[in-house]
Amino acid sequence: MEKYINSLWKKMNLNKINKKRKYTSDFLLKKLVEYYNLHNRIPKTYDFDKSPNLPDSTTYRNRFGKWNNALEKAGLNIGRKHPYSKQDLIKILQDFYEKNRRSPSCRDIPSVTPFVNIFGSWNNALIESGLEFNTVIKEKHLINA
């Protein structure tokens, strides 16, 4: 099966682009940033490995030592360091409250990960910000009550 797929790739001239090319470090880093901007998330190794139009993760490991080293060099925060302080996050929550006159839910914030990393949970972040957390009662629970 693999031979068949490889022959199709060759016939279509769609060989994985990194097999015969040498890339500059700048080009590799640019591809990481482009992926991030297009998908609005940090790329994973499998994202690049499964795409015939992107250099594979081995190319990045060979050049930068580790995938995460390449991400850091590209300026992409991989979660090792918190870009926000505890006070920054509290201010985000309180500003939301001031603007909307209600506590934010997880869906109101682009990413709850920094809040969970620093406060331990979303609800802890709300409590430490002086806000009440929202409780959602699903319709099925009301019927069963």
C-alpha atoms as a PDB file:
ATOM      1  CA  MET A   1       0.000   0.000   0.000  1.00  0.00           C
ATOM      2  CA  GLU A   2       2.794   2.416   0.925  1.00  0.00           C
ATOM      3  CA  LYS A   3       4.527   1.826  -2.425  1.00  0.00           C
ATOM      4  CA  TYR A   4       1.261   2.580  -4.212  1.00  0.00           C
ATOM      5  CA  ILE A   5       0.795   5.851  -2.289  1.00  0.00           C
ATOM      6  CA  ASN A   6       4.413   6.864  -2.901  1.00  0.00           C
ATOM      7  CA  SER A   7       4.041   6.194  -6.614  1.00  0.00           C
ATOM      8  CA  LEU A   8       0.899   8.343  -6.693  1.00  0.00           C
ATOM      9  CA  TRP A   9       2.761  11.141  -4.954  1.00  0.00           C
ATOM     10  CA  LYS A  10       5.554  10.886  -7.531  1.00  0.00           C
ATOM     11  CA  LYS A  11       3.126  10.864 -10.461  1.00  0.00           C
ATOM     12  CA  MET A  12       1.401  13.930  -9.076  1.00  0.00           C
ATOM     13  CA  ASN A  13       4.789  15.524  -8.372  1.00  0.00           C
ATOM     14  CA  LEU A  14       3.757  16.048  -4.755  1.00  0.00           C
ATOM     15  CA  ASN A  15       6.703  14.493  -2.966  1.00  0.00           C
ATOM     16  CA  LYS A  16       7.071  15.804   0.549  1.00  0.00           C
ATOM     17  CA  ILE A  17       8.919  19.055   0.039  1.00  0.00           C
ATOM     18  CA  ASN A  18      11.689  18.425   2.534  1.00  0.00           C
ATOM     19  CA  LYS A  19      13.013  15.179   1.036  1.00  0.00           C
ATOM     20  CA  LYS A  20      15.343  16.816  -1.478  1.00  0.00           C
ATOM     21  CA  ARG A  21      15.548  20.400  -0.262  1.00  0.00           C
ATOM     22  CA  LYS A  22      17.776  22.177   2.152  1.00  0.00           C
ATOM     23  CA  TYR A  23      16.051  24.819   4.208  1.00  0.00           C
ATOM     24  CA  THR A  24      17.387  27.896   5.881  1.00  0.00           C
ATOM     25  CA  SER A  25      16.648  28.354   9.556  1.00  0.00           C
ATOM     26  CA  ASP A  26      14.698  31.504   8.710  1.00  0.00           C
ATOM     27  CA  PHE A  27      12.483  29.599   6.260  1.00  0.00           C
ATOM     28  CA  LEU A  28      11.746  26.875   8.831  1.00  0.00           C
ATOM     29  CA  LEU A  29      10.893  29.395  11.535  1.00  0.00           C
ATOM     30  CA  LYS A  30       8.720  31.352   9.112  1.00  0.00           C
ATOM     31  CA  LYS A  31       6.699  28.192   8.365  1.00  0.00           C
ATOM     32  CA  LEU A  32       6.030  27.700  12.087  1.00  0.00           C
ATOM     33  CA  VAL A  33       4.784  31.267  12.455  1.00  0.00           C
ATOM     34  CA  GLU A  34       2.656  31.004   9.300  1.00  0.00           C
ATOM     35  CA  TYR A  35       1.033  27.845  10.656  1.00  0.00           C
ATOM     36  CA  TYR A  36       0.361  29.562  13.973  1.00  0.00           C
ATOM     37  CA  ASN A  37      -1.192  32.593  12.273  1.00  0.00           C
ATOM     38  CA  LEU A  38      -3.338  30.435   9.984  1.00  0.00           C
ATOM     39  CA  HIS A  39      -4.612  28.009  12.646  1.00  0.00           C
ATOM     40  CA  ASN A  40      -4.402  30.252  15.722  1.00  0.00           C
ATOM     41  CA  ARG A  41      -2.579  27.613  17.756  1.00  0.00           C
ATOM     42  CA  ILE A  42       0.933  26.331  18.334  1.00  0.00           C
ATOM     43  CA  PRO A  43       1.782  23.680  15.725  1.00  0.00           C
ATOM     44  CA  LYS A  44       2.394  20.105  16.849  1.00  0.00           C
ATOM     45  CA  THR A  45       4.907  17.764  15.253  1.00  0.00           C
ATOM     46  CA  TYR A  46       2.138  15.693  13.680  1.00  0.00           C
ATOM     47  CA  ASP A  47       0.714  18.795  11.965  1.00  0.00           C
ATOM     48  CA  PHE A  48       3.934  19.144   9.991  1.00  0.00           C
ATOM     49  CA  ASP A  49       4.502  15.403   9.569  1.00  0.00           C
ATOM     50  CA  LYS A  50       1.105  14.815   7.964  1.00  0.00           C
ATOM     51  CA  SER A  51       1.310  17.737   5.542  1.00  0.00           C
ATOM     52  CA  PRO A  52       3.060  17.199   2.195  1.00  0.00           C
ATOM     53  CA  ASN A  53       3.478  20.977   1.896  1.00  0.00           C
ATOM     54  CA  LEU A  54       5.460  21.514   5.090  1.00  0.00           C
ATOM     55  CA  PRO A  55       8.888  20.368   6.234  1.00  0.00           C
ATOM     56  CA  ASP A  56       8.556  17.436   8.625  1.00  0.00           C
ATOM     57  CA  SER A  57       9.381  17.562  12.317  1.00  0.00           C
ATOM     58  CA  THR A  58      12.627  15.625  11.804  1.00  0.00           C
ATOM     59  CA  THR A  59      13.944  18.518   9.744  1.00  0.00           C
ATOM     60  CA  TYR A  60      13.252  20.842  12.668  1.00  0.00           C
ATOM     61  CA  ARG A  61      14.828  18.474  15.213  1.00  0.00           C
ATOM     62  CA  ASN A  62      17.921  18.092  13.044  1.00  0.00           C
ATOM     63  CA  ARG A  63      18.286  21.849  12.722  1.00  0.00           C
ATOM     64  CA  PHE A  64      17.269  23.053  16.205  1.00  0.00           C
ATOM     65  CA  GLY A  65      17.881  19.998  18.394  1.00  0.00           C
ATOM     66  CA  LYS A  66      14.257  19.737  19.562  1.00  0.00           C
ATOM     67  CA  TRP A  67      10.868  20.705  18.179  1.00  0.00           C
ATOM     68  CA  ASN A  68      10.282  22.986  21.179  1.00  0.00           C
ATOM     69  CA  ASN A  69      13.589  24.767  20.547  1.00  0.00           C
ATOM     70  CA  ALA A  70      12.340  25.653  17.063  1.00  0.00           C
ATOM     71  CA  LEU A  71       9.034  26.911  18.478  1.00  0.00           C
ATOM     72  CA  GLU A  72      10.854  29.090  21.011  1.00  0.00           C
ATOM     73  CA  LYS A  73      13.204  30.468  18.354  1.00  0.00           C
ATOM     74  CA  ALA A  74      10.144  31.309  16.239  1.00  0.00           C
ATOM     75  CA  GLY A  75       8.786  33.301  19.181  1.00  0.00           C
ATOM     76  CA  LEU A  76       5.910  30.924  19.874  1.00  0.00           C
ATOM     77  CA  ASN A  77       5.117  30.442  23.549  1.00  0.00           C
ATOM     78  CA  ILE A  78       4.976  26.722  24.224  1.00  0.00           C
ATOM     79  CA  GLY A  79       3.648  26.944  27.736  1.00  0.00           C
ATOM     80  CA  ARG A  80       6.905  26.710  29.625  1.00  0.00           C
ATOM     81  CA  LYS A  81       6.724  30.329  30.647  1.00  0.00           C
ATOM     82  CA  HIS A  82       3.630  32.295  31.502  1.00  0.00           C
ATOM     83  CA  PRO A  83       3.343  35.390  29.322  1.00  0.00           C
ATOM     84  CA  TYR A  84       0.908  36.855  31.867  1.00  0.00           C
ATOM     85  CA  SER A  85       1.395  37.531  35.519  1.00  0.00           C
ATOM     86  CA  LYS A  86      -1.275  36.683  38.059  1.00  0.00           C
ATOM     87  CA  GLN A  87      -2.194  40.387  38.189  1.00  0.00           C
ATOM     88  CA  ASP A  88      -2.469  40.560  34.371  1.00  0.00           C
ATOM     89  CA  LEU A  89      -4.973  37.703  34.395  1.00  0.00           C
ATOM     90  CA  ILE A  90      -6.985  39.195  37.250  1.00  0.00           C
ATOM     91  CA  LYS A  91      -7.159  42.462  35.313  1.00  0.00           C
ATOM     92  CA  ILE A  92      -8.426  40.644  32.191  1.00  0.00           C
ATOM     93  CA  LEU A  93     -11.238  39.064  34.215  1.00  0.00           C
ATOM     94  CA  GLN A  94     -12.143  42.267  36.038  1.00  0.00           C
ATOM     95  CA  ASP A  95     -12.105  44.289  32.800  1.00  0.00           C
ATOM     96  CA  PHE A  96     -14.480  41.762  31.248  1.00  0.00           C
ATOM     97  CA  TYR A  97     -16.780  42.136  34.248  1.00  0.00           C
ATOM     98  CA  GLU A  98     -16.725  45.938  34.029  1.00  0.00           C
ATOM     99  CA  LYS A  99     -17.572  45.856  30.337  1.00  0.00           C
ATOM    100  CA  ASN A 100     -20.234  43.108  30.431  1.00  0.00           C
ATOM    101  CA  ARG A 101     -21.588  43.422  33.998  1.00  0.00           C
ATOM    102  CA  ARG A 102     -21.174  39.676  34.547  1.00  0.00           C
ATOM    103  CA  SER A 103     -18.408  37.223  35.301  1.00  0.00           C
ATOM    104  CA  PRO A 104     -16.815  35.730  32.206  1.00  0.00           C
ATOM    105  CA  SER A 105     -17.312  32.095  31.343  1.00  0.00           C
ATOM    106  CA  CYS A 106     -14.603  29.921  29.832  1.00  0.00           C
ATOM    107  CA  ARG A 107     -16.126  30.553  26.411  1.00  0.00           C
ATOM    108  CA  ASP A 108     -15.680  34.313  26.746  1.00  0.00           C
ATOM    109  CA  ILE A 109     -11.892  34.090  26.956  1.00  0.00           C
ATOM    110  CA  PRO A 110      -9.758  32.967  23.978  1.00  0.00           C
ATOM    111  CA  SER A 111      -7.737  30.566  26.139  1.00  0.00           C
ATOM    112  CA  VAL A 112      -8.290  29.483  29.721  1.00  0.00           C
ATOM    113  CA  THR A 113      -4.933  27.685  29.826  1.00  0.00           C
ATOM    114  CA  PRO A 114      -2.996  30.580  31.397  1.00  0.00           C
ATOM    115  CA  PHE A 115      -5.688  30.925  34.060  1.00  0.00           C
ATOM    116  CA  VAL A 116      -5.636  27.210  34.870  1.00  0.00           C
ATOM    117  CA  ASN A 117      -1.824  27.129  34.872  1.00  0.00           C
ATOM    118  CA  ILE A 118      -1.558  29.997  37.349  1.00  0.00           C
ATOM    119  CA  PHE A 119      -4.685  29.592  39.500  1.00  0.00           C
ATOM    120  CA  GLY A 120      -5.206  25.832  39.289  1.00  0.00           C
ATOM    121  CA  SER A 121      -8.709  26.104  37.818  1.00  0.00           C
ATOM    122  CA  TRP A 122     -11.002  28.538  36.061  1.00  0.00           C
ATOM    123  CA  ASN A 123     -13.180  28.928  39.157  1.00  0.00           C
ATOM    124  CA  ASN A 124     -10.146  29.667  41.334  1.00  0.00           C
ATOM    125  CA  ALA A 125      -9.181  32.426  38.893  1.00  0.00           C
ATOM    126  CA  LEU A 126     -12.647  33.970  39.203  1.00  0.00           C
ATOM    127  CA  ILE A 127     -12.625  33.702  43.007  1.00  0.00           C
ATOM    128  CA  GLU A 128      -9.166  35.273  43.314  1.00  0.00           C
ATOM    129  CA  SER A 129     -10.358  38.060  40.996  1.00  0.00           C
ATOM    130  CA  GLY A 130     -13.229  38.779  43.358  1.00  0.00           C
ATOM    131  CA  LEU A 131     -15.830  37.506  40.899  1.00  0.00           C
ATOM    132  CA  GLU A 132     -18.508  34.886  41.253  1.00  0.00           C
ATOM    133  CA  PHE A 133     -18.361  31.934  38.954  1.00  0.00           C
ATOM    134  CA  ASN A 134     -21.235  31.170  36.663  1.00  0.00           C
ATOM    135  CA  THR A 135     -23.237  28.039  37.126  1.00  0.00           C
ATOM    136  CA  VAL A 136     -25.044  26.649  34.154  1.00  0.00           C
ATOM    137  CA  ILE A 137     -27.982  24.378  34.789  1.00  0.00           C
ATOM    138  CA  LYS A 138     -28.700  22.239  31.785  1.00  0.00           C
ATOM    139  CA  GLU A 139     -32.303  21.785  30.766  1.00  0.00           C
ATOM    140  CA  LYS A 140     -32.137  17.998  31.272  1.00  0.00           C
ATOM    141  CA  HIS A 141     -31.195  18.544  34.935  1.00  0.00           C
ATOM    142  CA  LEU A 142     -34.249  20.733  35.458  1.00  0.00           C
ATOM    143  CA  ILE A 143     -36.526  18.068  34.015  1.00  0.00           C
ATOM    144  CA  ASN A 144     -35.064  15.398  36.304  1.00  0.00           C
ATOM    145  CA  ALA A 145     -35.235  17.605  39.397  1.00  0.00           C
END
